[in-house]
Protein backbone atom coordinates (compact mmCIF):
# COMPACT_ATOMS: atom_id res chain seq x y z
CA MET A 1 0.00 0.00 0.00
CA ILE A 2 2.85 2.39 0.86
CA LYS A 3 4.60 1.58 -2.45
CA PHE A 4 1.33 2.27 -4.30
CA PHE A 5 1.03 5.77 -2.82
CA ARG A 6 4.72 6.45 -3.46
CA LYS A 7 4.34 5.60 -7.16
CA ILE A 8 1.40 7.98 -7.47
CA ARG A 9 3.40 10.81 -5.85
CA GLN A 10 6.40 10.17 -8.10
CA LYS A 11 4.23 10.12 -11.23
CA LEU A 12 2.58 13.44 -10.35
CA LEU A 13 5.94 15.05 -9.64
CA SER A 14 7.50 13.72 -12.87
CA GLU A 15 4.55 15.13 -14.82
CA ASN A 16 5.06 18.48 -13.07
CA LYS A 17 1.50 18.42 -11.76
CA ILE A 18 2.26 20.31 -8.56
CA SER A 19 -1.33 21.37 -7.79
CA LYS A 20 -2.64 17.85 -8.17
CA TYR A 21 0.27 16.59 -6.07
CA LEU A 22 -0.57 19.00 -3.28
CA ILE A 23 -4.21 17.98 -3.36
CA TYR A 24 -3.19 14.33 -3.32
CA ALA A 25 -0.72 14.92 -0.48
CA ILE A 26 -3.35 16.66 1.59
CA GLY A 27 -5.79 13.84 0.89
CA GLU A 28 -3.17 11.28 1.90
CA ILE A 29 -2.54 13.15 5.16
CA ILE A 30 -6.25 13.22 5.84
CA LEU A 31 -6.48 9.48 5.20
CA VAL A 32 -3.57 8.84 7.56
CA VAL A 33 -5.18 11.01 10.26
CA ILE A 34 -8.50 9.22 9.79
CA GLY A 35 -6.71 5.90 10.07
CA ILE A 36 -5.02 6.99 13.28
CA LEU A 37 -8.32 8.23 14.71
CA ILE A 38 -10.04 4.96 13.83
CA ALA A 39 -7.23 3.00 15.48
CA LEU A 40 -7.45 5.17 18.59
CA GLN A 41 -11.22 4.77 18.68
CA ILE A 42 -10.90 0.99 18.39
CA ASN A 43 -8.30 1.00 21.16
CA ASN A 44 -10.51 3.22 23.32
CA ASN A 45 -13.49 0.95 22.73
CA ASN A 46 -11.41 -2.06 23.72
CA GLU A 47 -10.29 -0.32 26.92
CA LEU A 48 -13.85 0.74 27.70
CA ASN A 49 -15.06 -2.81 27.14
CA LYS A 50 -12.36 -4.13 29.47
CA GLN A 51 -13.25 -1.53 32.11
CA ARG A 52 -16.96 -2.30 31.76
CA ALA A 53 -16.28 -6.02 32.18
CA LYS A 54 -14.25 -5.24 35.30
CA GLU A 55 -17.04 -3.02 36.63
CA VAL A 56 -19.69 -5.67 36.02
CA GLN A 57 -17.60 -8.26 37.88
CA PHE A 58 -17.24 -5.91 40.85
CA LEU A 59 -21.00 -5.27 40.76
CA LYS A 60 -21.72 -9.01 40.79
CA ASN A 61 -19.38 -9.45 43.77
CA LEU A 62 -21.05 -6.53 45.56
CA LYS A 63 -24.45 -8.04 44.92
CA SER A 64 -23.33 -11.40 46.33
CA ASP A 65 -22.00 -9.69 49.47
CA LEU A 66 -25.17 -7.64 49.93
CA ILE A 67 -27.51 -10.63 49.53
CA PHE A 68 -25.61 -12.53 52.23
CA GLU A 69 -25.54 -9.42 54.40
CA GLU A 70 -29.31 -9.02 54.03
CA SER A 71 -29.91 -12.51 55.39
CA GLU A 72 -27.57 -11.75 58.31
CA LEU A 73 -29.38 -8.49 59.04
CA GLU A 74 -32.69 -10.34 59.14
CA ARG A 75 -31.23 -12.87 61.57
CA TYR A 76 -29.78 -10.23 63.86
CA ILE A 77 -33.01 -8.25 63.84
CA GLY A 78 -34.65 -11.40 65.23
CA ILE A 79 -31.93 -11.72 67.88
CA ARG A 80 -32.24 -8.09 68.97
CA GLU A 81 -36.04 -8.25 69.02
CA SER A 82 -35.84 -11.32 71.27
CA ILE A 83 -33.54 -9.43 73.66
CA LEU A 84 -35.80 -6.38 73.58
CA ASN A 85 -38.85 -8.50 74.33
CA SER A 86 -37.09 -10.20 77.26
CA ALA A 87 -36.00 -6.84 78.71
CA GLN A 88 -39.55 -5.51 78.49
CA ILE A 89 -40.98 -8.61 80.19
CA ALA A 90 -38.36 -8.41 82.97
CA LEU A 91 -39.15 -4.72 83.54
CA GLU A 92 -42.79 -5.60 84.21
CA HIS A 93 -41.60 -7.63 87.21
CA PHE A 94 -39.27 -4.85 88.37
CA ASN A 95 -42.31 -2.59 88.29
CA GLY A 96 -44.39 -4.84 90.55
CA LYS A 97 -45.79 -7.69 88.47
CA PRO A 98 -45.49 -10.92 90.55
CA VAL A 99 -43.05 -13.58 89.34
CA LYS A 100 -45.09 -16.77 89.05
CA ASN A 101 -42.47 -18.80 87.19
CA ILE A 102 -38.95 -18.18 88.47
CA GLN A 103 -37.35 -20.15 85.63
CA MET A 104 -39.19 -18.11 83.01
CA PHE A 105 -38.06 -14.91 84.71
CA ASN A 106 -34.52 -16.27 84.74
CA TYR A 107 -34.77 -17.11 81.04
CA HIS A 108 -35.69 -13.54 80.09
CA THR A 109 -33.12 -12.07 82.48
CA PHE A 110 -30.38 -14.29 81.08
CA ASN A 111 -31.45 -13.66 77.48
CA VAL A 112 -30.87 -9.92 77.86
CA GLY A 113 -27.23 -10.63 78.67
CA ILE A 114 -26.55 -12.77 75.60
CA TRP A 115 -24.16 -10.82 73.38
CA GLN A 116 -24.00 -11.35 69.63
CA GLU A 117 -22.62 -8.79 67.19
CA PHE A 118 -23.56 -8.29 63.54
CA GLN A 119 -20.50 -8.24 61.29
CA ARG A 120 -20.70 -6.81 57.80
CA ASN A 121 -19.96 -8.92 54.74
CA ASN A 122 -18.44 -6.04 52.76
CA ASN A 123 -15.20 -7.48 51.42
CA THR A 124 -15.77 -6.18 47.88
CA PHE A 125 -16.65 -2.68 49.10
CA VAL A 126 -13.49 -2.55 51.22
CA GLU A 127 -11.42 -3.86 48.29
CA LEU A 128 -12.81 -1.14 46.01
CA LEU A 129 -11.93 1.56 48.52
CA ASN A 130 -8.46 0.25 49.40
CA SER A 131 -7.44 -0.39 45.78
CA GLY A 132 -8.68 2.99 44.50
CA ASN A 133 -11.12 1.21 42.18
CA PHE A 134 -14.27 2.70 43.71
CA THR A 135 -14.45 5.17 40.81
CA ILE A 136 -14.87 2.26 38.40
CA ILE A 137 -18.51 2.06 39.59
CA SER A 138 -20.13 4.45 37.14
CA ASN A 139 -23.62 4.51 38.68
CA GLU A 140 -23.66 7.32 41.26
CA SER A 141 -26.77 5.96 42.97
CA ILE A 142 -25.00 2.65 43.63
CA LYS A 143 -21.92 4.42 45.01
CA ASN A 144 -24.02 6.66 47.26
CA GLY A 145 -26.00 3.64 48.47
CA LEU A 146 -22.83 1.76 49.38
CA LEU A 147 -21.43 4.76 51.25
CA ASN A 148 -24.71 5.27 53.12
CA LEU A 149 -24.76 1.61 54.14
CA ASP A 150 -21.31 2.12 55.62
CA LEU A 151 -22.51 5.20 57.52
CA ILE A 152 -25.50 3.34 59.00
CA HIS A 153 -23.24 0.51 60.10
CA LYS A 154 -20.92 2.98 61.83
CA GLN A 155 -23.96 4.30 63.71
CA ILE A 156 -24.83 0.72 64.70
CA ILE A 157 -21.30 0.21 66.01
CA SER A 158 -21.54 3.42 68.03
CA ASN A 159 -24.87 2.41 69.61
CA ARG A 160 -23.56 -1.08 70.23
CA GLU A 161 -20.52 0.25 72.08
CA HIS A 162 -22.75 2.44 74.23
CA LEU A 163 -24.91 -0.58 75.02
CA ARG A 164 -21.87 -2.72 75.88
CA ASN A 165 -20.57 -0.09 78.31
CA ASP A 166 -24.01 0.33 79.88
CA MET A 167 -24.53 -3.41 80.25
CA GLU A 168 -21.15 -3.96 81.87
CA HIS A 169 -21.92 -1.35 84.52
CA TYR A 170 -25.67 -1.74 85.05
CA TYR A 171 -26.29 -5.39 84.17
CA TYR A 172 -23.30 -7.75 84.32
CA ASP A 173 -21.62 -6.25 87.38
CA PRO A 174 -24.61 -6.38 89.78
CA TRP A 175 -25.76 -9.68 88.29
CA PHE A 176 -22.42 -11.39 88.88
CA LYS A 177 -22.20 -10.01 92.42
CA THR A 178 -25.74 -11.01 93.43
CA VAL A 179 -26.44 -14.51 92.11
CA ASP A 180 -24.87 -17.91 91.53
CA LEU A 181 -24.79 -18.16 87.73
CA ASP A 182 -24.32 -21.92 87.55
CA PRO A 183 -27.99 -23.03 88.03
CA LEU A 184 -29.22 -19.94 86.13
CA ALA A 185 -27.13 -20.79 83.09
CA GLU A 186 -28.16 -24.45 83.27
CA SER A 187 -31.84 -23.51 83.37
CA PHE A 188 -31.47 -21.02 80.51
CA LEU A 189 -29.67 -23.46 78.22
CA PHE A 190 -32.14 -26.25 78.96
CA TYR A 191 -35.11 -24.07 78.01
CA ALA A 192 -33.32 -22.55 74.98
CA ASN A 193 -32.69 -26.04 73.58
CA LYS A 194 -35.89 -27.85 74.57
CA LYS A 195 -38.48 -25.05 75.01
CA GLU A 196 -39.44 -26.49 78.37
CA PHE A 197 -38.07 -26.19 81.90
CA ASP A 198 -36.24 -28.78 83.95
CA ASN A 199 -38.01 -28.79 87.31
CA ASN A 200 -35.02 -30.53 88.87
CA ILE A 201 -33.04 -27.29 88.56
CA GLU A 202 -33.54 -25.28 91.73
CA LEU A 203 -33.29 -21.49 91.56
CA SER A 204 -33.07 -19.25 94.63
CA ARG A 205 -36.11 -17.10 95.35
CA GLN A 206 -33.96 -15.10 97.76
CA GLU A 207 -31.49 -14.22 95.00
CA LEU A 208 -34.40 -13.32 92.75
CA ASP A 209 -35.78 -10.90 95.32
CA ARG A 210 -32.37 -9.24 95.69
CA LEU A 211 -32.23 -8.70 91.92
CA LEU A 212 -35.74 -7.26 91.80
CA ASN A 213 -34.81 -4.75 94.50
CA ASP A 214 -31.59 -3.65 92.81
CA THR A 215 -32.23 -0.30 91.06
CA ILE A 216 -28.91 -0.41 89.22
CA PHE A 217 -29.80 -3.82 87.80
CA LYS A 218 -33.24 -2.57 86.77
CA ASN A 219 -31.64 0.36 84.94
CA GLY A 220 -29.65 -2.12 82.89
CA PHE A 221 -32.93 -3.41 81.45
CA VAL A 222 -34.20 0.14 80.84
CA LEU A 223 -31.05 0.94 78.86
CA SER A 224 -31.26 -2.39 77.03
CA VAL A 225 -34.77 -1.55 75.82
CA PHE A 226 -33.75 1.94 74.73
CA THR A 227 -30.51 1.11 72.90
CA ASN A 228 -31.68 -2.18 71.38
CA SER A 229 -34.64 -0.29 69.91
CA LEU A 230 -32.21 2.11 68.22
CA ILE A 231 -30.07 -0.73 66.91
CA ILE A 232 -33.10 -2.59 65.54
CA ASP A 233 -34.24 0.56 63.71
CA ASP A 234 -30.76 0.93 62.21
CA TYR A 235 -30.73 -2.73 61.17
CA LYS A 236 -34.07 -2.25 59.41
CA ARG A 237 -32.92 0.93 57.68
CA MET A 238 -29.77 -0.85 56.58
CA MET A 239 -31.69 -3.85 55.27
CA GLU A 240 -34.09 -1.62 53.29
CA LEU A 241 -31.22 0.32 51.73
CA ASN A 242 -29.44 -2.97 51.08
CA LYS A 243 -32.41 -4.16 49.01
CA GLN A 244 -32.50 -0.89 47.06
CA VAL A 245 -28.80 -1.12 46.19
CA VAL A 246 -29.22 -4.73 45.02
CA GLU A 247 -32.05 -3.60 42.71
CA LEU A 248 -29.86 -0.82 41.34
CA ILE A 249 -27.04 -3.29 40.73
CA ASN A 250 -29.40 -5.66 38.90
CA GLU A 251 -30.50 -2.82 36.63
CA GLU A 252 -26.91 -1.74 35.99
CA ILE A 253 -25.69 -5.26 35.20
CA THR A 254 -28.48 -5.84 32.66
CA LYS A 255 -27.67 -2.63 30.77
CA GLY A 256 -26.00 -3.02 27.41
């Protein structure tokens, strides 16, 4: 092809057709420029396709993480609601309701002290941030959703730390000092596993009365109700936003 163009140039020059040569030369330059632009466009399209494929893979990984996280949020909402319910039932007895079943009271009292923490499944999100690849996500709504999920979780952590500090001072400390935990734990575990009580386990009514008259211990249940309610609300907000981000990711993945 190069030899072909060279022969045409040489022929025009030998025939002293300068004007035609100039027109030809300009046309050749234009063709070369067009060729370069086409090559650059093809290269750009290839790079864009590679980047899009990388983005889609990240989106699929994010979706997988979020779906698992949603199931965990649902589970921990159930756990926190169980604790909240137990704290509310115990408070009724602190406020004067007679305890007819000491093992049931023990179950709810013990349940409030069970500590389980929700951990995020956000490995892809952390990878995107740490690697500087977060900008590869082109959908601003998805990026904002992911950042807002992180903010809600930080609020959950803050409330959880407040609750832990409160429980150590108002719940665990007086509880450990007042009662023998061995039969209480045995009774709790038996009921948790079998949904019935072992009447052979003897609990102390005297210890129970000391707990019911301990204002500090009662305040532990008050704080448990308050802070667990906040955490449950945050879990629910997080789960709802989680679902919205998954829908956005589904829409983005299915785009051309």
